[in-house]
Amino acid sequence: MARAGSGRAHACPVAAFQKLISGKYKLRIVWDLKDGPRRYGEIRTGLLRGTDGSAEIAPRVLSRELKALTESGLIDRRDYGVVPPKVEYRLTRKGKSFVPVIAAIRDWGDRYLTEARPGALAAE
């Protein structure tokens, strides 16, 4: 929707945010990278922690998520050009600015889970 007199269209910020983080693992990847650079295997292992159900993440899915995060400018991919291949992923400045948003989502999730547990146990 265009603003009056601006002459240019502005996208909805919520829709832009949703598009940026859409995907099963993107938020968790960014959250794991907040502590520093990680290699592909370390990211994959980090995503397996705390999961219910299938303990497998298809390599193609993880590669797609990493590529999308790189293209959106949230993470940077550094290829060392050695054999065996060594590639690291790290947050960009834009990615680091996103960490507090994820922290707020995490805090909300903690509160929600804490409040939901007593009701879930009483129903059993």
C-alpha atoms as a PDB file:
ATOM      1  CA  MET A   1       0.000   0.000   0.000  1.00  0.00           C
ATOM      2  CA  ALA A   2       1.382   3.435  -0.944  1.00  0.00           C
ATOM      3  CA  ARG A   3       1.603   6.337   1.443  1.00  0.00           C
ATOM      4  CA  ALA A   4       0.028   9.578   0.375  1.00  0.00           C
ATOM      5  CA  GLY A   5       2.524  11.757  -1.430  1.00  0.00           C
ATOM      6  CA  SER A   6       5.459   9.364  -1.153  1.00  0.00           C
ATOM      7  CA  GLY A   7       5.230   8.059  -4.701  1.00  0.00           C
ATOM      8  CA  ARG A   8       6.506   4.626  -3.733  1.00  0.00           C
ATOM      9  CA  ALA A   9       4.886   1.453  -2.475  1.00  0.00           C
ATOM     10  CA  HIS A  10       5.670   0.187   1.034  1.00  0.00           C
ATOM     11  CA  ALA A  11       5.354  -3.435   1.934  1.00  0.00           C
ATOM     12  CA  CYS A  12       3.728  -4.498   5.159  1.00  0.00           C
ATOM     13  CA  PRO A  13       6.507  -4.879   7.752  1.00  0.00           C
ATOM     14  CA  VAL A  14       4.807  -7.890   9.325  1.00  0.00           C
ATOM     15  CA  ALA A  15       4.605  -9.655   5.954  1.00  0.00           C
ATOM     16  CA  ALA A  16       8.269  -8.829   5.279  1.00  0.00           C
ATOM     17  CA  PHE A  17       9.233 -10.263   8.688  1.00  0.00           C
ATOM     18  CA  GLN A  18       7.151 -13.375   8.075  1.00  0.00           C
ATOM     19  CA  LYS A  19       8.798 -13.942   4.702  1.00  0.00           C
ATOM     20  CA  LEU A  20      12.255 -13.432   6.211  1.00  0.00           C
ATOM     21  CA  ILE A  21      11.782 -16.082   8.906  1.00  0.00           C
ATOM     22  CA  SER A  22       9.423 -18.500   7.167  1.00  0.00           C
ATOM     23  CA  GLY A  23      10.792 -21.991   7.334  1.00  0.00           C
ATOM     24  CA  LYS A  24      11.048 -24.646   9.967  1.00  0.00           C
ATOM     25  CA  TYR A  25      14.607 -23.978  11.134  1.00  0.00           C
ATOM     26  CA  LYS A  26      15.517 -20.352  10.360  1.00  0.00           C
ATOM     27  CA  LEU A  27      14.830 -18.901  13.800  1.00  0.00           C
ATOM     28  CA  ARG A  28      16.712 -21.726  15.495  1.00  0.00           C
ATOM     29  CA  ILE A  29      19.679 -21.356  13.138  1.00  0.00           C
ATOM     30  CA  VAL A  30      19.962 -17.636  13.849  1.00  0.00           C
ATOM     31  CA  TRP A  31      19.576 -18.298  17.583  1.00  0.00           C
ATOM     32  CA  ASP A  32      22.369 -20.911  17.519  1.00  0.00           C
ATOM     33  CA  LEU A  33      24.684 -18.551  15.621  1.00  0.00           C
ATOM     34  CA  LYS A  34      24.326 -15.832  18.279  1.00  0.00           C
ATOM     35  CA  ASP A  35      27.225 -17.440  20.184  1.00  0.00           C
ATOM     36  CA  GLY A  36      29.621 -17.314  17.236  1.00  0.00           C
ATOM     37  CA  PRO A  37      30.448 -18.992  13.929  1.00  0.00           C
ATOM     38  CA  ARG A  38      29.385 -22.586  13.373  1.00  0.00           C
ATOM     39  CA  ARG A  39      30.113 -25.181  10.750  1.00  0.00           C
ATOM     40  CA  TYR A  40      27.356 -27.059   8.926  1.00  0.00           C
ATOM     41  CA  GLY A  41      27.601 -30.151  11.160  1.00  0.00           C
ATOM     42  CA  GLU A  42      27.502 -28.045  14.323  1.00  0.00           C
ATOM     43  CA  ILE A  43      24.384 -26.254  13.112  1.00  0.00           C
ATOM     44  CA  ARG A  44      22.757 -29.577  12.254  1.00  0.00           C
ATOM     45  CA  THR A  45      23.622 -31.031  15.677  1.00  0.00           C
ATOM     46  CA  GLY A  46      22.273 -27.921  17.388  1.00  0.00           C
ATOM     47  CA  LEU A  47      18.980 -28.280  15.551  1.00  0.00           C
ATOM     48  CA  LEU A  48      18.631 -31.872  16.710  1.00  0.00           C
ATOM     49  CA  ARG A  49      18.791 -30.853  20.386  1.00  0.00           C
ATOM     50  CA  GLY A  50      15.400 -30.670  22.024  1.00  0.00           C
ATOM     51  CA  THR A  51      13.413 -32.017  19.102  1.00  0.00           C
ATOM     52  CA  ASP A  52      10.457 -34.341  19.375  1.00  0.00           C
ATOM     53  CA  GLY A  53       9.600 -36.864  16.726  1.00  0.00           C
ATOM     54  CA  SER A  54      12.023 -37.400  13.877  1.00  0.00           C
ATOM     55  CA  ALA A  55      15.644 -36.800  14.799  1.00  0.00           C
ATOM     56  CA  GLU A  56      16.646 -36.358  11.165  1.00  0.00           C
ATOM     57  CA  ILE A  57      16.988 -33.131   9.253  1.00  0.00           C
ATOM     58  CA  ALA A  58      17.333 -33.680   5.542  1.00  0.00           C
ATOM     59  CA  PRO A  59      20.605 -32.150   4.340  1.00  0.00           C
ATOM     60  CA  ARG A  60      18.766 -30.559   1.425  1.00  0.00           C
ATOM     61  CA  VAL A  61      16.351 -28.809   3.804  1.00  0.00           C
ATOM     62  CA  LEU A  62      19.132 -27.462   6.013  1.00  0.00           C
ATOM     63  CA  SER A  63      21.130 -26.321   2.987  1.00  0.00           C
ATOM     64  CA  ARG A  64      18.053 -24.537   1.629  1.00  0.00           C
ATOM     65  CA  GLU A  65      17.454 -22.755   4.946  1.00  0.00           C
ATOM     66  CA  LEU A  66      21.102 -21.674   5.175  1.00  0.00           C
ATOM     67  CA  LYS A  67      21.062 -20.416   1.595  1.00  0.00           C
ATOM     68  CA  ALA A  68      17.867 -18.433   2.198  1.00  0.00           C
ATOM     69  CA  LEU A  69      19.311 -16.861   5.367  1.00  0.00           C
ATOM     70  CA  THR A  70      22.458 -15.954   3.448  1.00  0.00           C
ATOM     71  CA  GLU A  71      20.453 -14.403   0.611  1.00  0.00           C
ATOM     72  CA  SER A  72      18.361 -12.400   3.080  1.00  0.00           C
ATOM     73  CA  GLY A  73      21.526 -11.005   4.643  1.00  0.00           C
ATOM     74  CA  LEU A  74      21.012 -12.474   8.123  1.00  0.00           C
ATOM     75  CA  ILE A  75      24.004 -14.807   7.954  1.00  0.00           C
ATOM     76  CA  ASP A  76      27.290 -14.905   6.105  1.00  0.00           C
ATOM     77  CA  ARG A  77      28.850 -18.026   4.587  1.00  0.00           C
ATOM     78  CA  ARG A  78      32.609 -18.268   4.626  1.00  0.00           C
ATOM     79  CA  ASP A  79      34.219 -20.944   2.473  1.00  0.00           C
ATOM     80  CA  TYR A  80      37.867 -21.528   3.365  1.00  0.00           C
ATOM     81  CA  GLY A  81      38.550 -23.274   0.039  1.00  0.00           C
ATOM     82  CA  VAL A  82      40.401 -26.215   1.564  1.00  0.00           C
ATOM     83  CA  VAL A  83      40.110 -29.978   1.287  1.00  0.00           C
ATOM     84  CA  PRO A  84      38.240 -31.392   3.080  1.00  0.00           C
ATOM     85  CA  PRO A  85      35.756 -28.545   2.677  1.00  0.00           C
ATOM     86  CA  LYS A  86      35.531 -26.103   5.565  1.00  0.00           C
ATOM     87  CA  VAL A  87      32.605 -23.702   5.566  1.00  0.00           C
ATOM     88  CA  GLU A  88      31.481 -21.538   8.473  1.00  0.00           C
ATOM     89  CA  TYR A  89      28.300 -19.584   8.974  1.00  0.00           C
ATOM     90  CA  ARG A  90      28.115 -16.464  11.133  1.00  0.00           C
ATOM     91  CA  LEU A  91      25.609 -13.720  11.825  1.00  0.00           C
ATOM     92  CA  THR A  92      25.888 -10.491   9.900  1.00  0.00           C
ATOM     93  CA  ARG A  93      25.194  -7.128  11.520  1.00  0.00           C
ATOM     94  CA  LYS A  94      21.598  -7.497  10.325  1.00  0.00           C
ATOM     95  CA  GLY A  95      21.434 -10.990  11.851  1.00  0.00           C
ATOM     96  CA  LYS A  96      22.832  -9.758  15.169  1.00  0.00           C
ATOM     97  CA  SER A  97      20.152  -7.061  15.274  1.00  0.00           C
ATOM     98  CA  PHE A  98      17.572  -9.846  14.951  1.00  0.00           C
ATOM     99  CA  VAL A  99      18.758 -11.796  18.032  1.00  0.00           C
ATOM    100  CA  PRO A 100      16.832  -9.633  20.566  1.00  0.00           C
ATOM    101  CA  VAL A 101      13.633 -10.306  18.597  1.00  0.00           C
ATOM    102  CA  ILE A 102      14.207 -14.052  18.864  1.00  0.00           C
ATOM    103  CA  ALA A 103      15.077 -13.658  22.559  1.00  0.00           C
ATOM    104  CA  ALA A 104      11.702 -11.955  23.107  1.00  0.00           C
ATOM    105  CA  ILE A 105       9.960 -14.809  21.276  1.00  0.00           C
ATOM    106  CA  ARG A 106      11.875 -17.316  23.425  1.00  0.00           C
ATOM    107  CA  ASP A 107      10.904 -15.494  26.627  1.00  0.00           C
ATOM    108  CA  TRP A 108       7.273 -15.450  25.552  1.00  0.00           C
ATOM    109  CA  GLY A 109       7.489 -19.183  24.778  1.00  0.00           C
ATOM    110  CA  ASP A 110       8.936 -19.890  28.230  1.00  0.00           C
ATOM    111  CA  ARG A 111       6.085 -18.002  29.895  1.00  0.00           C
ATOM    112  CA  TYR A 112       3.495 -19.713  27.694  1.00  0.00           C
ATOM    113  CA  LEU A 113       4.865 -23.188  28.396  1.00  0.00           C
ATOM    114  CA  THR A 114       5.029 -22.480  32.129  1.00  0.00           C
ATOM    115  CA  GLU A 115       1.404 -21.335  32.150  1.00  0.00           C
ATOM    116  CA  ALA A 116       0.242 -24.196  29.903  1.00  0.00           C
ATOM    117  CA  ARG A 117       1.805 -27.008  31.942  1.00  0.00           C
ATOM    118  CA  PRO A 118      -0.465 -26.863  35.022  1.00  0.00           C
ATOM    119  CA  GLY A 119      -3.588 -26.911  32.838  1.00  0.00           C
ATOM    120  CA  ALA A 120      -2.292 -29.761  30.739  1.00  0.00           C
ATOM    121  CA  LEU A 121      -1.466 -31.840  33.799  1.00  0.00           C
ATOM    122  CA  ALA A 122      -4.862 -31.166  35.424  1.00  0.00           C
ATOM    123  CA  ALA A 123      -6.654 -32.401  32.297  1.00  0.00           C
ATOM    124  CA  GLU A 124      -4.925 -35.795  32.411  1.00  0.00           C
END
